Amino acid sequence: MLKLTIIPTPRFFENFSRFVSNLCDMSLVELAGIGTSRKNRPTSANANAVRLTSELLRVFITEAVQRAAAIAEAEGANQIEASHLEIILPQLLLDF
């Protein structure tokens, strides 16, 4: 069976933490790119929430890669392609 191991580095968690913090600092209006007259309210993310979100994302991606690798192996492919991810995505989203 084709197995891919993903080992996140501390740098990954730092970058992801900054990314989530930046998203939390933006309002939904800013994220959507729509202008508004409302004032922006500062928002921050708890460090534990960022760690939990990082871990959830890591598990989600690892599971997606492993499922796509199983499909690729069943089809006799040596690489995971977008079509393999398209096959596993509906069930993966339901499972999470």
N, C-alpha and C. Protein backbone atom coordinates (compact mmCIF):
# COMPACT_ATOMS: atom_id res chain seq x y z
N MET A 1 0.84 -1.18 0.00
CA MET A 1 0.00 0.00 0.00
C MET A 1 0.88 1.24 0.00
N LEU A 2 0.53 2.19 -0.81
CA LEU A 2 1.24 3.47 -0.87
C LEU A 2 0.93 4.26 0.38
N LYS A 3 1.97 4.63 1.13
CA LYS A 3 1.75 5.36 2.37
C LYS A 3 2.57 6.63 2.35
N LEU A 4 1.95 7.72 2.68
CA LEU A 4 2.61 9.01 2.74
C LEU A 4 2.54 9.50 4.16
N THR A 5 3.68 9.84 4.72
CA THR A 5 3.72 10.34 6.08
C THR A 5 3.94 11.84 6.05
N ILE A 6 3.09 12.56 6.72
CA ILE A 6 3.21 14.01 6.81
C ILE A 6 3.65 14.35 8.23
N ILE A 7 4.79 15.01 8.33
CA ILE A 7 5.31 15.40 9.63
C ILE A 7 5.35 16.92 9.66
N PRO A 8 4.40 17.54 10.36
CA PRO A 8 4.41 19.00 10.43
C PRO A 8 5.57 19.50 11.28
N THR A 9 6.19 20.56 10.82
CA THR A 9 7.31 21.14 11.55
C THR A 9 6.79 22.24 12.47
N PRO A 10 7.61 22.65 13.44
CA PRO A 10 7.19 23.77 14.30
C PRO A 10 6.93 25.04 13.48
N ARG A 11 7.67 25.21 12.40
CA ARG A 11 7.47 26.38 11.54
C ARG A 11 6.06 26.36 10.92
N PHE A 12 5.58 25.16 10.55
CA PHE A 12 4.24 25.04 9.99
C PHE A 12 3.21 25.55 11.00
N PHE A 13 3.35 25.12 12.27
CA PHE A 13 2.39 25.54 13.28
C PHE A 13 2.46 27.04 13.54
N GLU A 14 3.68 27.60 13.49
CA GLU A 14 3.82 29.05 13.66
C GLU A 14 3.14 29.80 12.53
N ASN A 15 3.39 29.36 11.30
CA ASN A 15 2.78 30.01 10.14
C ASN A 15 1.25 29.86 10.16
N PHE A 16 0.78 28.66 10.51
CA PHE A 16 -0.66 28.44 10.55
C PHE A 16 -1.30 29.28 11.65
N SER A 17 -0.60 29.39 12.78
CA SER A 17 -1.10 30.21 13.88
C SER A 17 -1.24 31.67 13.45
N ARG A 18 -0.23 32.19 12.75
CA ARG A 18 -0.30 33.56 12.24
C ARG A 18 -1.44 33.71 11.24
N PHE A 19 -1.60 32.72 10.38
CA PHE A 19 -2.65 32.75 9.37
C PHE A 19 -4.03 32.81 10.03
N VAL A 20 -4.27 31.95 11.02
CA VAL A 20 -5.55 31.93 11.71
C VAL A 20 -5.78 33.24 12.46
N SER A 21 -4.73 33.75 13.10
CA SER A 21 -4.86 35.02 13.82
C SER A 21 -5.23 36.15 12.87
N ASN A 22 -4.61 36.17 11.69
CA ASN A 22 -4.93 37.20 10.70
C ASN A 22 -6.38 37.07 10.23
N LEU A 23 -6.84 35.84 10.04
CA LEU A 23 -8.23 35.64 9.64
C LEU A 23 -9.18 36.12 10.73
N CYS A 24 -8.82 35.85 11.98
CA CYS A 24 -9.69 36.25 13.09
C CYS A 24 -9.72 37.76 13.24
N ASP A 25 -8.67 38.44 12.83
CA ASP A 25 -8.63 39.89 12.91
C ASP A 25 -9.47 40.56 11.83
N MET A 26 -9.85 39.79 10.81
CA MET A 26 -10.64 40.36 9.71
C MET A 26 -12.12 40.08 9.95
N SER A 27 -12.94 41.01 9.58
CA SER A 27 -14.38 40.79 9.70
C SER A 27 -14.85 39.99 8.49
N LEU A 28 -16.06 39.44 8.58
CA LEU A 28 -16.62 38.71 7.44
C LEU A 28 -16.74 39.61 6.22
N VAL A 29 -17.04 40.88 6.46
CA VAL A 29 -17.17 41.82 5.35
C VAL A 29 -15.82 41.99 4.65
N GLU A 30 -14.74 42.09 5.44
CA GLU A 30 -13.41 42.21 4.84
C GLU A 30 -13.04 40.94 4.09
N LEU A 31 -13.38 39.79 4.66
CA LEU A 31 -13.07 38.53 3.99
C LEU A 31 -13.82 38.41 2.67
N ALA A 32 -15.05 38.91 2.64
CA ALA A 32 -15.85 38.86 1.42
C ALA A 32 -15.49 39.97 0.45
N GLY A 33 -14.77 40.98 0.94
CA GLY A 33 -14.36 42.09 0.07
C GLY A 33 -15.46 43.10 -0.16
N ILE A 34 -16.41 43.18 0.74
CA ILE A 34 -17.54 44.11 0.58
C ILE A 34 -17.31 45.31 1.50
N GLY A 35 -17.56 46.50 1.00
CA GLY A 35 -17.42 47.71 1.82
C GLY A 35 -18.60 47.87 2.75
N THR A 36 -18.37 48.49 3.90
CA THR A 36 -19.44 48.70 4.87
C THR A 36 -19.12 49.92 5.71
N SER A 37 -20.13 50.44 6.37
CA SER A 37 -19.92 51.60 7.23
C SER A 37 -19.67 51.18 8.68
N ARG A 38 -19.79 49.88 8.99
CA ARG A 38 -19.56 49.41 10.35
C ARG A 38 -18.09 49.49 10.71
N LYS A 39 -17.86 49.74 11.99
CA LYS A 39 -16.48 49.75 12.46
C LYS A 39 -16.01 48.32 12.67
N ASN A 40 -14.73 48.09 12.42
CA ASN A 40 -14.16 46.76 12.63
C ASN A 40 -13.90 46.55 14.11
N ARG A 41 -14.29 45.39 14.59
CA ARG A 41 -14.04 45.03 15.98
C ARG A 41 -12.84 44.09 16.02
N PRO A 42 -11.86 44.38 16.86
CA PRO A 42 -10.71 43.47 16.93
C PRO A 42 -11.10 42.12 17.52
N THR A 43 -10.58 41.08 16.94
CA THR A 43 -10.85 39.73 17.38
C THR A 43 -9.52 38.99 17.49
N SER A 44 -9.40 38.16 18.48
CA SER A 44 -8.18 37.37 18.60
C SER A 44 -8.55 35.92 18.85
N ALA A 45 -7.61 35.05 18.57
CA ALA A 45 -7.84 33.62 18.77
C ALA A 45 -7.03 33.14 19.96
N ASN A 46 -7.65 32.36 20.79
CA ASN A 46 -6.98 31.74 21.92
C ASN A 46 -5.91 30.80 21.39
N ALA A 47 -4.75 30.74 22.03
CA ALA A 47 -3.65 29.88 21.59
C ALA A 47 -4.07 28.41 21.55
N ASN A 48 -4.87 27.99 22.52
CA ASN A 48 -5.35 26.60 22.52
C ASN A 48 -6.28 26.32 21.35
N ALA A 49 -7.09 27.30 20.99
CA ALA A 49 -7.98 27.13 19.84
C ALA A 49 -7.19 27.01 18.55
N VAL A 50 -6.12 27.78 18.44
CA VAL A 50 -5.27 27.70 17.25
C VAL A 50 -4.60 26.34 17.18
N ARG A 51 -4.09 25.84 18.32
CA ARG A 51 -3.46 24.51 18.34
C ARG A 51 -4.47 23.43 17.97
N LEU A 52 -5.67 23.53 18.50
CA LEU A 52 -6.70 22.54 18.21
C LEU A 52 -7.08 22.57 16.73
N THR A 53 -7.23 23.76 16.18
CA THR A 53 -7.55 23.90 14.76
C THR A 53 -6.43 23.35 13.90
N SER A 54 -5.20 23.60 14.28
CA SER A 54 -4.04 23.08 13.55
C SER A 54 -4.05 21.56 13.55
N GLU A 55 -4.32 20.98 14.70
CA GLU A 55 -4.35 19.52 14.79
C GLU A 55 -5.49 18.94 13.97
N LEU A 56 -6.65 19.57 14.00
CA LEU A 56 -7.78 19.10 13.21
C LEU A 56 -7.45 19.15 11.72
N LEU A 57 -6.84 20.23 11.29
CA LEU A 57 -6.45 20.36 9.89
C LEU A 57 -5.41 19.31 9.51
N ARG A 58 -4.46 19.04 10.41
CA ARG A 58 -3.43 18.03 10.14
C ARG A 58 -4.06 16.65 9.98
N VAL A 59 -4.98 16.30 10.88
CA VAL A 59 -5.64 15.00 10.81
C VAL A 59 -6.49 14.91 9.55
N PHE A 60 -7.19 15.97 9.21
CA PHE A 60 -8.04 15.99 8.02
C PHE A 60 -7.21 15.76 6.76
N ILE A 61 -6.10 16.48 6.63
CA ILE A 61 -5.25 16.35 5.44
C ILE A 61 -4.61 14.97 5.38
N THR A 62 -4.14 14.48 6.52
CA THR A 62 -3.53 13.14 6.56
C THR A 62 -4.54 12.09 6.12
N GLU A 63 -5.75 12.18 6.62
CA GLU A 63 -6.80 11.23 6.24
C GLU A 63 -7.12 11.32 4.75
N ALA A 64 -7.19 12.54 4.23
CA ALA A 64 -7.47 12.73 2.80
C ALA A 64 -6.38 12.10 1.95
N VAL A 65 -5.14 12.31 2.32
CA VAL A 65 -4.02 11.75 1.55
C VAL A 65 -4.03 10.23 1.62
N GLN A 66 -4.28 9.67 2.78
CA GLN A 66 -4.29 8.22 2.91
C GLN A 66 -5.43 7.59 2.11
N ARG A 67 -6.60 8.20 2.14
CA ARG A 67 -7.72 7.67 1.36
C ARG A 67 -7.46 7.80 -0.14
N ALA A 68 -6.92 8.95 -0.55
CA ALA A 68 -6.61 9.14 -1.97
C ALA A 68 -5.52 8.18 -2.41
N ALA A 69 -4.55 7.89 -1.54
CA ALA A 69 -3.49 6.93 -1.88
C ALA A 69 -4.06 5.54 -2.08
N ALA A 70 -5.05 5.16 -1.27
CA ALA A 70 -5.68 3.85 -1.43
C ALA A 70 -6.40 3.76 -2.78
N ILE A 71 -7.08 4.82 -3.17
CA ILE A 71 -7.75 4.85 -4.47
C ILE A 71 -6.73 4.79 -5.60
N ALA A 72 -5.65 5.56 -5.47
CA ALA A 72 -4.61 5.57 -6.50
C ALA A 72 -3.99 4.19 -6.65
N GLU A 73 -3.72 3.54 -5.53
CA GLU A 73 -3.14 2.20 -5.58
C GLU A 73 -4.10 1.21 -6.22
N ALA A 74 -5.39 1.31 -5.91
CA ALA A 74 -6.39 0.42 -6.50
C ALA A 74 -6.47 0.60 -8.02
N GLU A 75 -6.21 1.82 -8.49
CA GLU A 75 -6.24 2.10 -9.93
C GLU A 75 -4.89 1.82 -10.58
N GLY A 76 -3.88 1.46 -9.79
CA GLY A 76 -2.57 1.16 -10.33
C GLY A 76 -1.72 2.39 -10.61
N ALA A 77 -2.08 3.51 -10.05
CA ALA A 77 -1.32 4.75 -10.26
C ALA A 77 -0.21 4.86 -9.22
N ASN A 78 0.87 5.54 -9.59
CA ASN A 78 1.99 5.75 -8.68
C ASN A 78 1.90 7.07 -7.94
N GLN A 79 1.03 7.96 -8.40
CA GLN A 79 0.90 9.29 -7.81
C GLN A 79 -0.58 9.56 -7.51
N ILE A 80 -0.78 10.38 -6.50
CA ILE A 80 -2.13 10.84 -6.19
C ILE A 80 -2.43 12.02 -7.10
N GLU A 81 -3.57 11.96 -7.76
CA GLU A 81 -3.98 13.03 -8.66
C GLU A 81 -5.27 13.66 -8.12
N ALA A 82 -5.63 14.77 -8.71
CA ALA A 82 -6.83 15.49 -8.29
C ALA A 82 -8.07 14.59 -8.39
N SER A 83 -8.11 13.74 -9.39
CA SER A 83 -9.27 12.87 -9.57
C SER A 83 -9.43 11.91 -8.39
N HIS A 84 -8.33 11.48 -7.79
CA HIS A 84 -8.41 10.61 -6.61
C HIS A 84 -8.99 11.36 -5.42
N LEU A 85 -8.58 12.61 -5.27
CA LEU A 85 -9.13 13.43 -4.19
C LEU A 85 -10.62 13.72 -4.42
N GLU A 86 -11.01 13.91 -5.68
CA GLU A 86 -12.42 14.15 -5.99
C GLU A 86 -13.27 12.95 -5.61
N ILE A 87 -12.72 11.76 -5.74
CA ILE A 87 -13.46 10.55 -5.42
C ILE A 87 -13.71 10.43 -3.92
N ILE A 88 -12.69 10.74 -3.12
CA ILE A 88 -12.81 10.54 -1.66
C ILE A 88 -13.42 11.72 -0.93
N LEU A 89 -13.45 12.88 -1.55
CA LEU A 89 -13.86 14.09 -0.85
C LEU A 89 -15.28 14.06 -0.27
N PRO A 90 -16.31 13.61 -1.02
CA PRO A 90 -17.66 13.63 -0.43
C PRO A 90 -17.76 12.83 0.87
N GLN A 91 -17.24 11.60 0.88
CA GLN A 91 -17.32 10.78 2.09
C GLN A 91 -16.45 11.35 3.21
N LEU A 92 -15.30 11.90 2.85
CA LEU A 92 -14.42 12.49 3.85
C LEU A 92 -15.11 13.65 4.57
N LEU A 93 -15.78 14.50 3.82
CA LEU A 93 -16.50 15.62 4.43
C LEU A 93 -17.63 15.15 5.33
N LEU A 94 -18.30 14.08 4.94
CA LEU A 94 -19.36 13.53 5.78
C LEU A 94 -18.78 12.93 7.06
N ASP A 95 -17.61 12.32 6.97
CA ASP A 95 -16.99 11.69 8.14
C ASP A 95 -16.49 12.72 9.15
N PHE A 96 -16.09 13.89 8.66
CA PHE A 96 -15.60 14.91 9.58
C PHE A 96 -16.74 15.81 9.97
